């Protein structure tokens, strides 16, 4: 069968990424057209007691109460 008929992979959403830092990095790198995204720093948010990961793509990420990733 021709390569023209190969189905593209289905889109994944941030909240569907497994709750590990490695999985987040893989997802963000894929979303960044293969340019590696890495953690610049992390800290505990005193307001809500959640760990925040500051990433090289300019955004910060944390997990909600269900362990799903979100942008903060």
Protein backbone atom coordinates (compact mmCIF):
# COMPACT_ATOMS: atom_id res chain seq x y z
CA UNK A 1 0.00 0.00 0.00
CA UNK A 2 1.21 3.50 -0.79
CA UNK A 3 2.66 5.67 1.97
CA UNK A 4 0.06 8.26 0.99
CA UNK A 5 -2.57 6.13 2.70
CA UNK A 6 -0.78 5.72 6.04
CA UNK A 7 -3.00 7.05 8.81
CA UNK A 8 -1.51 9.86 10.86
CA UNK A 9 -1.30 9.23 14.58
CA UNK A 10 -4.20 10.47 16.60
CA UNK A 11 -3.70 13.70 18.48
CA UNK A 12 -2.99 13.43 22.20
CA UNK A 13 -4.10 16.06 24.69
CA UNK A 14 -2.07 17.28 27.68
CA UNK A 15 -4.52 15.84 30.21
CA UNK A 16 -4.08 12.40 28.58
CA UNK A 17 -0.31 12.30 29.19
CA UNK A 18 0.75 9.88 31.96
CA UNK A 19 1.62 11.70 35.21
CA UNK A 20 5.41 11.37 34.96
CA UNK A 21 7.94 14.06 34.10
CA UNK A 22 9.45 11.86 31.39
CA UNK A 23 6.05 11.42 29.71
CA UNK A 24 5.49 15.19 29.87
CA UNK A 25 8.88 15.86 28.25
CA UNK A 26 8.21 13.35 25.46
CA UNK A 27 4.78 14.89 24.81
CA UNK A 28 6.06 18.49 24.83
CA UNK A 29 8.99 17.60 22.56
CA UNK A 30 6.60 15.97 20.08
CA UNK A 31 4.31 19.03 20.20
CA UNK A 32 7.39 21.24 19.63
CA UNK A 33 8.11 19.57 16.26
CA UNK A 34 10.83 17.38 17.74
CA UNK A 35 12.81 20.22 19.34
CA UNK A 36 13.73 18.93 22.80
CA UNK A 37 11.81 20.49 25.70
CA UNK A 38 13.44 20.15 29.11
CA UNK A 39 12.81 21.17 32.69
CA UNK A 40 14.48 24.43 33.72
CA UNK A 41 13.46 24.23 37.38
CA UNK A 42 10.76 22.99 39.68
CA UNK A 43 9.30 24.27 42.94
CA UNK A 44 6.43 23.74 45.33
CA UNK A 45 3.56 26.19 45.00
CA UNK A 46 2.82 27.23 48.56
CA UNK A 47 -0.69 28.35 47.65
CA UNK A 48 -1.94 24.91 46.64
CA UNK A 49 0.90 22.59 47.72
CA UNK A 50 1.51 21.31 44.18
CA UNK A 51 4.84 20.80 42.44
CA UNK A 52 5.33 23.13 39.46
CA UNK A 53 7.68 22.28 36.58
CA UNK A 54 9.04 25.25 34.61
CA UNK A 55 9.87 24.02 31.12
CA UNK A 56 12.08 25.34 28.33
CA UNK A 57 9.05 26.01 26.11
CA UNK A 58 8.18 29.00 28.31
CA UNK A 59 5.28 27.38 30.15
CA UNK A 60 4.88 25.86 33.61
CA UNK A 61 3.04 22.62 34.30
CA UNK A 62 1.55 20.98 37.36
CA UNK A 63 -0.83 18.12 38.09
CA UNK A 64 -4.41 18.51 39.24
CA UNK A 65 -5.96 16.55 42.09
CA UNK A 66 -6.54 13.61 39.73
CA UNK A 67 -2.88 13.53 38.65
CA UNK A 68 -3.53 14.99 35.19
CA UNK A 69 -1.16 17.56 33.70
CA UNK A 70 -2.25 21.18 33.30
CA UNK A 71 -0.65 24.51 32.40
CA UNK A 72 -0.29 26.91 35.33
